[in-house]
């Protein structure tokens, strides 16, 4: 592996980590800000708003298809070049999204955007992971994780603001100056990392993961929809599971697999893939459930609902400086167990919110929920790479990114399924008239899933991830 890095590694947050985090924020925000703009976009295209969901689905499926191949692409062509090209593709696609006049044009440009996003996130993270010393990994990961926590919270109200006071097309146009600046900085800051050995592209593995990811993501999208063909959904799930099983077997046997599974032998990485995926799925459901509960369940308008949800963002942001000291003081195992329990309680507290709950108490519950989910997210993401050898980092990063993408889709699906189950339970108990009960029951279901994910943490040793969590000497 060749590394061409100028200057010495900073003892604080590296410029590369800040740049990659900024690019992540642009990409994650673009995926969430569009939600509140769909009605206005639909009117511009002369279609129903529901028809534009295909634009969101096309973007997610493109991510799911290309993320598994991102590690090979970065190793072959170099992290700096791939990251800069990904930014260029994303920025150019943003321009064409804003200029689209038909649904077909918009969907095509969202697919192009997805191509840029699929390379931007995992390749940017890989560049930071490979150049960050173990004792600075917590700070680097904390920097990289805040966009995934913040963007889903501020995206919807920001989209509503832009749509109300400007035009929905500016949602995409604002990416242009940001993207150009990021490209220039990437060519100067991102290290030139690549593998000296030219391994062949694993075409059978790519085809298998493509079929698996498309089938699973589309099946989860179908399960989260109001109306769905159960036969098609079940068929897609079956195809996805079978091809995923084949892909995993192929990766174990192939000489040059697209994704090596060696990192799964590392206990800390394995825990973050299993229990950690359930946690990521559960917190991905929160930005989906909260606005629906406030608007549909309690009858609030979008503006006031968005203001309440911003309390989660404030919690995410204010706890960031304390996350590293907490990990160093408690260690990963103790922190994940204590904070995990608090995270479950915060989800259950959301289930207790009613239209009569004082605003200050709602804000407190959401703020604390943001604090606990931020700590857990950063700790899980850092632990994932704490004990992974440098030679396995590319494969581990690709595997982690793929699992994260599936977990996000699963979280929204679980939230939608939880609402439906809540509706049936409330009707069965004769309590359907209680405002927002189905949404509150969905929070109970999500809390249980989060609790189940914690059991995997019990298998960690007391010194798990100590190479990262110990104090600097």
Protein backbone atom coordinates (compact mmCIF):
# COMPACT_ATOMS: atom_id res chain seq x y z
CA UNK A 1 0.00 0.00 0.00
CA UNK A 2 1.34 3.43 -0.93
CA UNK A 3 0.76 6.48 1.24
CA UNK A 4 1.74 9.96 0.12
CA UNK A 5 0.91 12.12 3.12
CA UNK A 6 2.31 15.59 3.57
CA UNK A 7 2.99 16.87 7.02
CA UNK A 8 2.66 15.16 10.35
CA UNK A 9 -0.53 13.76 11.80
CA UNK A 10 -2.14 16.36 13.99
CA UNK A 11 -2.75 15.59 17.61
CA UNK A 12 -6.29 16.87 17.21
CA UNK A 13 -8.89 16.57 14.44
CA UNK A 14 -7.16 16.17 11.09
CA UNK A 15 -8.12 18.43 8.16
CA UNK A 16 -8.94 15.27 6.15
CA UNK A 17 -11.47 14.17 8.79
CA UNK A 18 -13.11 17.60 8.77
CA UNK A 19 -13.31 17.64 4.98
CA UNK A 20 -14.72 14.13 4.78
CA UNK A 21 -17.26 14.96 7.52
CA UNK A 22 -18.35 18.02 5.55
CA UNK A 23 -18.80 15.92 2.41
CA UNK A 24 -20.74 13.34 4.41
CA UNK A 25 -23.01 16.08 5.73
CA UNK A 26 -23.73 17.33 2.21
CA UNK A 27 -24.55 13.79 1.07
CA UNK A 28 -26.66 12.79 4.10
CA UNK A 29 -28.49 16.13 4.16
CA UNK A 30 -29.39 15.83 0.49
CA UNK A 31 -30.99 12.46 1.21
CA UNK A 32 -33.22 13.84 3.99
CA UNK A 33 -33.95 17.45 3.01
CA UNK A 34 -35.92 16.32 -0.03
CA UNK A 35 -38.74 14.76 2.04
CA UNK A 36 -40.59 18.00 2.87
CA UNK A 37 -40.12 19.35 -0.68
CA UNK A 38 -41.89 16.45 -2.41
CA UNK A 39 -45.33 18.16 -2.69
CA UNK A 40 -43.85 21.25 -4.39
CA UNK A 41 -41.66 19.12 -6.65
CA UNK A 42 -44.67 17.03 -7.63
CA UNK A 43 -46.59 20.16 -8.66
CA UNK A 44 -43.64 21.27 -10.80
CA UNK A 45 -43.58 17.91 -12.56
CA UNK A 46 -47.38 17.65 -12.79
CA UNK A 47 -47.60 14.37 -10.86
CA UNK A 48 -48.78 13.12 -7.46
CA UNK A 49 -46.30 13.50 -4.61
CA UNK A 50 -46.29 9.77 -3.95
CA UNK A 51 -44.90 9.17 -7.44
CA UNK A 52 -41.69 10.99 -6.47
CA UNK A 53 -40.86 8.35 -3.88
CA UNK A 54 -39.18 6.54 -6.75
CA UNK A 55 -36.54 9.29 -6.70
CA UNK A 56 -35.69 8.45 -3.08
CA UNK A 57 -35.82 4.70 -3.75
CA UNK A 58 -33.60 4.98 -6.84
CA UNK A 59 -31.01 6.87 -4.83
CA UNK A 60 -31.00 4.32 -1.99
CA UNK A 61 -30.80 1.35 -4.34
CA UNK A 62 -27.88 2.93 -6.23
CA UNK A 63 -26.05 3.34 -2.93
CA UNK A 64 -26.79 -0.27 -2.01
CA UNK A 65 -25.44 -1.57 -5.33
CA UNK A 66 -22.18 0.41 -5.50
CA UNK A 67 -21.07 0.58 -1.86
CA UNK A 68 -19.83 -3.06 -1.85
CA UNK A 69 -17.56 -2.27 -4.81
CA UNK A 70 -16.21 0.96 -3.28
CA UNK A 71 -13.29 -0.74 -1.53
CA UNK A 72 -11.97 -2.29 -4.74
CA UNK A 73 -12.39 0.99 -6.63
CA UNK A 74 -10.50 2.95 -3.93
CA UNK A 75 -7.68 0.41 -3.79
CA UNK A 76 -7.36 0.33 -7.58
CA UNK A 77 -7.51 4.03 -8.42
CA UNK A 78 -6.52 5.70 -5.14
CA UNK A 79 -8.61 7.26 -2.36
CA UNK A 80 -7.80 10.88 -3.30
CA UNK A 81 -8.77 10.50 -6.94
CA UNK A 82 -11.92 8.46 -6.24
CA UNK A 83 -13.10 10.80 -3.48
CA UNK A 84 -12.62 13.87 -5.70
CA UNK A 85 -14.41 12.19 -8.64
CA UNK A 86 -17.25 11.14 -6.31
CA UNK A 87 -17.64 14.75 -5.18
CA UNK A 88 -17.65 15.91 -8.81
CA UNK A 89 -20.31 13.36 -9.81
CA UNK A 90 -22.47 14.27 -6.81
CA UNK A 91 -22.16 18.01 -7.47
CA UNK A 92 -22.87 17.72 -11.21
CA UNK A 93 -25.86 15.49 -10.55
CA UNK A 94 -27.16 18.06 -8.04
CA UNK A 95 -27.16 20.69 -10.78
CA UNK A 96 -29.14 18.45 -13.12
CA UNK A 97 -31.56 17.47 -10.34
CA UNK A 98 -32.34 21.15 -9.87
CA UNK A 99 -32.78 21.63 -13.62
CA UNK A 100 -35.04 18.60 -14.09
CA UNK A 101 -38.43 19.24 -15.65
CA UNK A 102 -39.83 15.69 -15.63
CA UNK A 103 -39.93 12.80 -13.19
CA UNK A 104 -37.84 10.62 -15.52
CA UNK A 105 -35.08 13.23 -15.69
CA UNK A 106 -35.13 13.65 -11.93
CA UNK A 107 -34.92 9.90 -11.25
CA UNK A 108 -32.02 9.52 -13.70
CA UNK A 109 -30.10 12.32 -11.98
CA UNK A 110 -30.84 10.86 -8.53
CA UNK A 111 -29.27 7.61 -9.73
CA UNK A 112 -26.22 9.59 -10.85
CA UNK A 113 -26.17 11.30 -7.46
CA UNK A 114 -26.32 7.90 -5.80
CA UNK A 115 -23.24 6.83 -7.76
CA UNK A 116 -21.31 9.75 -6.30
CA UNK A 117 -22.65 9.20 -2.80
CA UNK A 118 -21.88 5.47 -2.86
CA UNK A 119 -18.19 6.23 -3.41
CA UNK A 120 -18.00 9.40 -1.34
CA UNK A 121 -18.92 7.98 2.07
CA UNK A 122 -16.96 4.69 2.31
CA UNK A 123 -13.89 5.96 0.42
CA UNK A 124 -13.72 9.12 2.52
CA UNK A 125 -14.01 7.12 5.73
CA UNK A 126 -11.33 4.69 4.52
CA UNK A 127 -8.89 7.55 3.86
CA UNK A 128 -9.37 8.81 7.42
CA UNK A 129 -9.18 5.36 9.03
CA UNK A 130 -5.93 4.44 7.31
CA UNK A 131 -4.13 7.65 8.29
CA UNK A 132 -5.38 8.11 11.87
CA UNK A 133 -3.35 6.68 14.78
CA UNK A 134 -5.28 4.41 17.15
CA UNK A 135 -5.18 6.90 20.03
CA UNK A 136 -6.86 9.56 17.84
CA UNK A 137 -9.45 7.22 16.33
CA UNK A 138 -12.22 8.20 18.77
CA UNK A 139 -11.95 11.86 17.81
CA UNK A 140 -11.80 11.06 14.10
CA UNK A 141 -14.82 8.74 14.21
CA UNK A 142 -16.78 11.25 16.32
CA UNK A 143 -16.13 13.81 13.60
CA UNK A 144 -17.27 11.42 10.87
CA UNK A 145 -20.44 10.29 12.67
CA UNK A 146 -22.05 13.63 13.42
CA UNK A 147 -23.37 14.13 9.85
CA UNK A 148 -25.29 10.83 10.02
CA UNK A 149 -26.87 11.94 13.30
CA UNK A 150 -27.52 15.59 12.48
CA UNK A 151 -28.65 15.50 8.83
CA UNK A 152 -31.83 13.40 9.36
CA UNK A 153 -32.92 15.81 12.10
CA UNK A 154 -32.34 19.20 10.46
CA UNK A 155 -33.00 18.01 6.90
CA UNK A 156 -36.83 18.10 6.93
CA UNK A 157 -37.20 21.57 8.55
CA UNK A 158 -34.45 22.95 6.29
CA UNK A 159 -36.21 21.52 3.25
CA UNK A 160 -39.45 23.11 4.38
CA UNK A 161 -37.74 26.47 4.88
CA UNK A 162 -36.09 26.44 1.42
CA UNK A 163 -39.31 25.33 -0.25
CA UNK A 164 -41.39 27.97 1.54
CA UNK A 165 -39.10 30.98 1.07
CA UNK A 166 -37.21 30.15 -2.13
CA UNK A 167 -37.72 27.23 -4.53
CA UNK A 168 -37.24 23.50 -4.13
CA UNK A 169 -34.54 23.57 -6.82
CA UNK A 170 -32.24 25.42 -4.40
CA UNK A 171 -32.11 22.26 -2.31
CA UNK A 172 -29.82 20.94 -5.03
CA UNK A 173 -28.21 24.16 -6.24
CA UNK A 174 -26.71 24.94 -2.80
CA UNK A 175 -24.54 21.83 -3.24
CA UNK A 176 -22.67 23.44 -6.15
CA UNK A 177 -20.40 25.94 -4.30
CA UNK A 178 -19.95 23.46 -1.44
CA UNK A 179 -19.03 20.68 -3.87
CA UNK A 180 -16.52 22.81 -5.80
CA UNK A 181 -14.77 23.88 -2.59
CA UNK A 182 -14.73 20.27 -1.35
CA UNK A 183 -13.19 19.02 -4.63
CA UNK A 184 -10.37 21.59 -4.45
CA UNK A 185 -9.65 20.73 -0.82
CA UNK A 186 -9.84 16.98 -1.50
CA UNK A 187 -7.09 17.19 -4.12
CA UNK A 188 -4.89 18.98 -1.57
CA UNK A 189 -5.78 17.23 1.70
CA UNK A 190 -6.93 13.65 1.07
CA UNK A 191 -3.92 11.26 1.14
CA UNK A 192 -3.12 9.28 -1.98
CA UNK A 193 -3.87 5.77 -0.72
CA UNK A 194 -3.99 2.74 -2.99
CA UNK A 195 -2.95 -0.87 -3.14
CA UNK A 196 0.22 -1.67 -5.06
CA UNK A 197 -1.13 -5.14 -5.95
CA UNK A 198 -3.71 -5.03 -8.75
CA UNK A 199 -6.32 -7.57 -7.71
CA UNK A 200 -8.93 -8.50 -10.33
CA UNK A 201 -12.51 -7.33 -10.03
CA UNK A 202 -14.79 -9.95 -8.47
CA UNK A 203 -17.60 -9.96 -11.05
CA UNK A 204 -19.54 -12.95 -9.61
CA UNK A 205 -19.40 -11.39 -6.14
CA UNK A 206 -20.51 -8.01 -7.48
CA UNK A 207 -23.47 -9.51 -9.38
CA UNK A 208 -24.53 -11.55 -6.33
CA UNK A 209 -24.34 -8.56 -3.95
CA UNK A 210 -26.12 -6.35 -6.49
CA UNK A 211 -29.07 -8.75 -6.72
CA UNK A 212 -29.08 -9.23 -2.95
CA UNK A 213 -28.93 -5.53 -2.09
CA UNK A 214 -31.49 -4.43 -4.70
CA UNK A 215 -33.89 -7.19 -3.63
CA UNK A 216 -33.51 -6.51 0.10
CA UNK A 217 -33.66 -2.71 -0.15
CA UNK A 218 -36.68 -2.81 -2.47
CA UNK A 219 -38.39 -5.38 -0.22
CA UNK A 220 -37.84 -3.15 2.80
CA UNK A 221 -39.18 -0.16 0.86
CA UNK A 222 -42.27 -2.23 -0.03
CA UNK A 223 -42.83 -3.29 3.56
CA UNK A 224 -42.69 0.34 4.63
CA UNK A 225 -45.25 1.45 2.02
CA UNK A 226 -48.93 1.88 2.75
CA UNK A 227 -49.96 -0.47 -0.05
CA UNK A 228 -47.80 -3.38 -1.06
CA UNK A 229 -48.02 -6.69 -2.87
CA UNK A 230 -47.16 -9.22 -0.17
CA UNK A 231 -46.32 -11.94 -2.71
CA UNK A 232 -43.79 -9.70 -4.48
CA UNK A 233 -42.32 -8.56 -1.17
CA UNK A 234 -41.87 -12.13 0.07
CA UNK A 235 -40.34 -13.15 -3.27
CA UNK A 236 -37.87 -10.25 -3.11
CA UNK A 237 -36.93 -11.13 0.46
CA UNK A 238 -36.35 -14.75 -0.55
CA UNK A 239 -34.23 -13.76 -3.55
CA UNK A 240 -32.27 -11.28 -1.45
CA UNK A 241 -31.56 -13.77 1.34
CA UNK A 242 -30.55 -16.58 -1.04
CA UNK A 243 -28.22 -14.39 -3.10
CA UNK A 244 -26.76 -12.83 0.04
CA UNK A 245 -26.02 -16.31 1.42
CA UNK A 246 -24.39 -17.23 -1.90
CA UNK A 247 -22.33 -14.02 -1.87
CA UNK A 248 -21.06 -14.70 1.65
CA UNK A 249 -20.06 -18.25 0.72
CA UNK A 250 -18.40 -16.94 -2.44
CA UNK A 251 -16.39 -14.36 -0.47
CA UNK A 252 -15.09 -17.11 1.81
CA UNK A 253 -13.91 -19.30 -1.09
CA UNK A 254 -12.84 -16.88 -3.84
CA UNK A 255 -9.16 -16.09 -4.32
CA UNK A 256 -9.83 -12.41 -4.96
CA UNK A 257 -13.20 -11.63 -3.31
CA UNK A 258 -14.73 -8.19 -3.57
CA UNK A 259 -15.17 -8.23 0.22
CA UNK A 260 -13.01 -10.30 2.55
CA UNK A 261 -14.77 -11.46 5.72
CA UNK A 262 -11.57 -11.74 7.77
CA UNK A 263 -12.60 -8.78 9.94
CA UNK A 264 -15.58 -10.80 11.21
CA UNK A 265 -13.04 -12.85 13.20
CA UNK A 266 -12.22 -9.71 15.20
CA UNK A 267 -14.60 -9.82 18.24
CA UNK A 268 -15.09 -6.05 18.48
CA UNK A 269 -15.89 -5.71 14.78
CA UNK A 270 -18.25 -8.69 14.88
CA UNK A 271 -20.25 -7.19 17.77
CA UNK A 272 -20.70 -3.90 15.92
CA UNK A 273 -21.91 -5.78 12.86
CA UNK A 274 -24.56 -7.82 14.69
CA UNK A 275 -25.83 -5.96 17.73
CA UNK A 276 -24.56 -2.67 16.35
CA UNK A 277 -26.69 -3.08 13.21
CA UNK A 278 -29.82 -3.50 15.33
CA UNK A 279 -28.91 -0.30 17.21
CA UNK A 280 -28.35 1.61 13.96
CA UNK A 281 -31.68 0.33 12.64
CA UNK A 282 -33.51 1.46 15.78
CA UNK A 283 -32.07 5.00 15.78
CA UNK A 284 -32.73 5.32 12.04
CA UNK A 285 -36.41 4.92 12.81
CA UNK A 286 -36.49 7.90 15.21
CA UNK A 287 -36.30 10.76 12.64
CA UNK A 288 -39.00 8.90 10.69
CA UNK A 289 -41.37 8.32 13.65
CA UNK A 290 -41.13 11.62 15.53
CA UNK A 291 -42.44 14.01 12.82
CA UNK A 292 -45.23 11.56 11.95
CA UNK A 293 -46.30 11.24 15.59
CA UNK A 294 -46.34 15.01 16.09
CA UNK A 295 -48.08 15.87 12.81
CA UNK A 296 -50.35 12.90 12.07
CA UNK A 297 -50.88 11.65 15.62
CA UNK A 298 -51.06 14.93 17.55
CA UNK A 299 -52.19 17.27 14.75
CA UNK A 300 -49.24 19.69 14.89
CA UNK A 301 -48.13 21.68 11.87
CA UNK A 302 -44.84 20.90 10.16
CA UNK A 303 -43.09 24.00 11.52
CA UNK A 304 -43.76 23.33 15.21
CA UNK A 305 -43.08 19.63 14.73
CA UNK A 306 -39.71 20.45 13.18
CA UNK A 307 -38.82 22.79 16.05
CA UNK A 308 -39.46 20.02 18.59
CA UNK A 309 -37.39 17.49 16.65
CA UNK A 310 -34.47 19.94 16.61
CA UNK A 311 -34.05 19.15 20.32
CA UNK A 312 -32.60 15.80 19.23
CA UNK A 313 -30.04 17.66 17.11
CA UNK A 314 -29.08 19.87 20.06
CA UNK A 315 -28.53 16.75 22.18
CA UNK A 316 -26.39 15.19 19.45
CA UNK A 317 -24.27 18.31 19.18
CA UNK A 318 -23.74 19.29 22.82
CA UNK A 319 -22.54 15.86 23.98
CA UNK A 320 -19.87 15.51 21.28
CA UNK A 321 -17.02 17.10 23.33
CA UNK A 322 -17.74 14.72 26.22
CA UNK A 323 -17.90 11.51 24.16
CA UNK A 324 -14.13 10.90 23.98
CA UNK A 325 -13.56 11.45 27.74
CA UNK A 326 -16.46 9.10 28.52
CA UNK A 327 -15.03 6.33 26.34
CA UNK A 328 -11.58 6.76 27.87
CA UNK A 329 -12.93 6.77 31.43
CA UNK A 330 -15.44 3.89 31.20
CA UNK A 331 -14.11 1.82 28.31
CA UNK A 332 -16.26 0.56 25.45
CA UNK A 333 -18.02 -2.33 27.18
CA UNK A 334 -19.23 -0.46 30.25
CA UNK A 335 -20.17 2.64 28.26
CA UNK A 336 -22.14 0.69 25.64
CA UNK A 337 -24.08 -1.20 28.33
CA UNK A 338 -24.88 1.83 30.52
CA UNK A 339 -25.58 4.25 27.70
CA UNK A 340 -27.41 1.53 25.73
CA UNK A 341 -29.83 1.08 28.63
CA UNK A 342 -30.35 4.85 28.80
CA UNK A 343 -30.98 4.89 25.04
CA UNK A 344 -33.68 2.22 25.43
CA UNK A 345 -35.29 4.25 28.24
CA UNK A 346 -35.26 7.38 26.08
CA UNK A 347 -37.13 5.50 23.32
CA UNK A 348 -39.68 4.27 25.86
CA UNK A 349 -40.03 7.83 27.14
CA UNK A 350 -41.05 8.89 23.60
CA UNK A 351 -43.85 6.32 23.85
CA UNK A 352 -45.18 8.19 26.91
CA UNK A 353 -45.50 11.55 25.14
CA UNK A 354 -49.09 12.73 24.63
CA UNK A 355 -50.63 15.93 23.21
CA UNK A 356 -51.01 17.09 26.83
CA UNK A 357 -47.33 16.60 27.71
CA UNK A 358 -45.73 19.98 28.55
CA UNK A 359 -43.48 21.29 25.81
CA UNK A 360 -40.50 21.60 28.19
CA UNK A 361 -40.80 17.91 29.07
CA UNK A 362 -41.00 16.88 25.39
CA UNK A 363 -37.90 18.94 24.66
CA UNK A 364 -36.07 17.35 27.60
CA UNK A 365 -36.97 13.81 26.49
CA UNK A 366 -35.87 14.48 22.91
CA UNK A 367 -32.71 16.28 24.03
CA UNK A 368 -31.63 13.39 26.28
CA UNK A 369 -32.51 10.93 23.51
CA UNK A 370 -30.19 12.86 21.20
CA UNK A 371 -27.43 12.74 23.83
CA UNK A 372 -27.67 8.98 24.36
CA UNK A 373 -27.96 8.04 20.68
CA UNK A 374 -24.97 10.26 19.81
CA UNK A 375 -22.75 8.61 22.44
CA UNK A 376 -23.83 5.11 21.40
CA UNK A 377 -23.44 5.79 17.69
CA UNK A 378 -19.93 7.19 18.09
CA UNK A 379 -18.86 4.40 20.46
CA UNK A 380 -20.16 1.65 18.18
CA UNK A 381 -18.60 3.19 15.06
CA UNK A 382 -15.23 3.63 16.80
CA UNK A 383 -15.21 0.16 18.33
CA UNK A 384 -15.83 -1.34 14.88
CA UNK A 385 -12.35 -0.37 13.67
CA UNK A 386 -10.45 -0.30 16.97
CA UNK A 387 -8.87 -3.76 16.60
CA UNK A 388 -9.01 -4.23 12.81
CA UNK A 389 -5.48 -4.61 11.33
CA UNK A 390 -4.50 -2.00 8.76
CA UNK A 391 -4.28 -4.62 6.00
CA UNK A 392 -7.96 -5.53 6.54
CA UNK A 393 -9.23 -1.95 6.91
CA UNK A 394 -10.45 -1.56 3.31
CA UNK A 395 -12.54 -4.74 3.41
CA UNK A 396 -13.82 -4.02 6.92
CA UNK A 397 -14.85 -0.49 5.91
CA UNK A 398 -16.73 -1.78 2.85
CA UNK A 399 -18.49 -4.42 4.95
CA UNK A 400 -19.38 -1.86 7.62
CA UNK A 401 -20.71 0.62 5.04
CA UNK A 402 -22.86 -2.05 3.39
CA UNK A 403 -24.32 -3.16 6.72
CA UNK A 404 -25.00 0.45 7.68
CA UNK A 405 -26.88 1.09 4.45
CA UNK A 406 -29.09 -1.96 5.05
CA UNK A 407 -29.62 -0.95 8.70
CA UNK A 408 -30.86 2.51 7.70
CA UNK A 409 -33.39 1.01 5.30
CA UNK A 410 -34.39 -1.58 7.89
CA UNK A 411 -34.92 1.12 10.51
CA UNK A 412 -37.43 3.05 8.40
CA UNK A 413 -39.17 -0.22 7.53
CA UNK A 414 -39.36 -1.26 11.17
CA UNK A 415 -40.80 2.14 12.05
CA UNK A 416 -43.52 1.80 9.38
CA UNK A 417 -44.30 -1.78 10.42
CA UNK A 418 -44.40 -0.68 14.06
CA UNK A 419 -47.01 1.97 13.21
CA UNK A 420 -49.19 -0.61 11.43
CA UNK A 421 -48.93 -3.07 14.30
CA UNK A 422 -49.72 -0.23 16.70
CA UNK A 423 -52.86 0.60 14.71
CA UNK A 424 -54.06 -3.00 14.84
CA UNK A 425 -53.33 -3.31 18.57
CA UNK A 426 -55.07 -0.04 19.38
CA UNK A 427 -58.15 -1.12 17.40
CA UNK A 428 -58.14 -4.55 19.05
CA UNK A 429 -58.02 -2.95 22.50
CA UNK A 430 -60.68 -0.40 21.61
CA UNK A 431 -58.22 2.47 22.12
CA UNK A 432 -58.02 3.76 18.56
CA UNK A 433 -59.40 7.15 19.64
CA UNK A 434 -56.33 7.90 21.76
CA UNK A 435 -54.23 10.42 19.78
CA UNK A 436 -50.98 9.05 18.41
CA UNK A 437 -51.24 5.68 20.18
CA UNK A 438 -50.09 3.69 17.15
CA UNK A 439 -46.94 5.83 16.89
CA UNK A 440 -46.26 5.50 20.61
CA UNK A 441 -46.55 1.72 20.38
CA UNK A 442 -44.11 1.82 17.47
CA UNK A 443 -41.57 3.46 19.79
CA UNK A 444 -42.04 0.57 22.23
CA UNK A 445 -41.27 -1.90 19.42
CA UNK A 446 -38.15 0.06 18.40
CA UNK A 447 -36.98 0.17 22.03
CA UNK A 448 -37.28 -3.62 22.26
CA UNK A 449 -35.20 -4.04 19.09
CA UNK A 450 -32.56 -1.72 20.53
CA UNK A 451 -32.55 -3.76 23.76
CA UNK A 452 -32.05 -7.00 21.84
CA UNK A 453 -29.06 -5.45 20.10
CA UNK A 454 -27.44 -4.77 23.48
CA UNK A 455 -27.11 -8.47 24.36
CA UNK A 456 -24.27 -8.82 21.88
CA UNK A 457 -22.32 -6.26 23.91
CA UNK A 458 -22.18 -8.66 26.87
CA UNK A 459 -19.72 -10.83 24.92
CA UNK A 460 -17.14 -8.02 24.90
CA UNK A 461 -14.19 -8.26 27.26
CA UNK A 462 -13.51 -5.46 29.75
CA UNK A 463 -10.51 -4.31 27.72
CA UNK A 464 -12.27 -4.42 24.34
CA UNK A 465 -10.90 -1.69 22.10
CA UNK A 466 -8.29 -0.68 24.68
CA UNK A 467 -5.82 0.30 21.93
CA UNK A 468 -8.22 3.14 21.16
CA UNK A 469 -9.85 3.91 24.52
CA UNK A 470 -6.70 4.13 26.66
CA UNK A 471 -5.32 7.55 27.48
CA UNK A 472 -2.45 8.88 25.44
CA UNK A 473 0.92 8.48 27.07
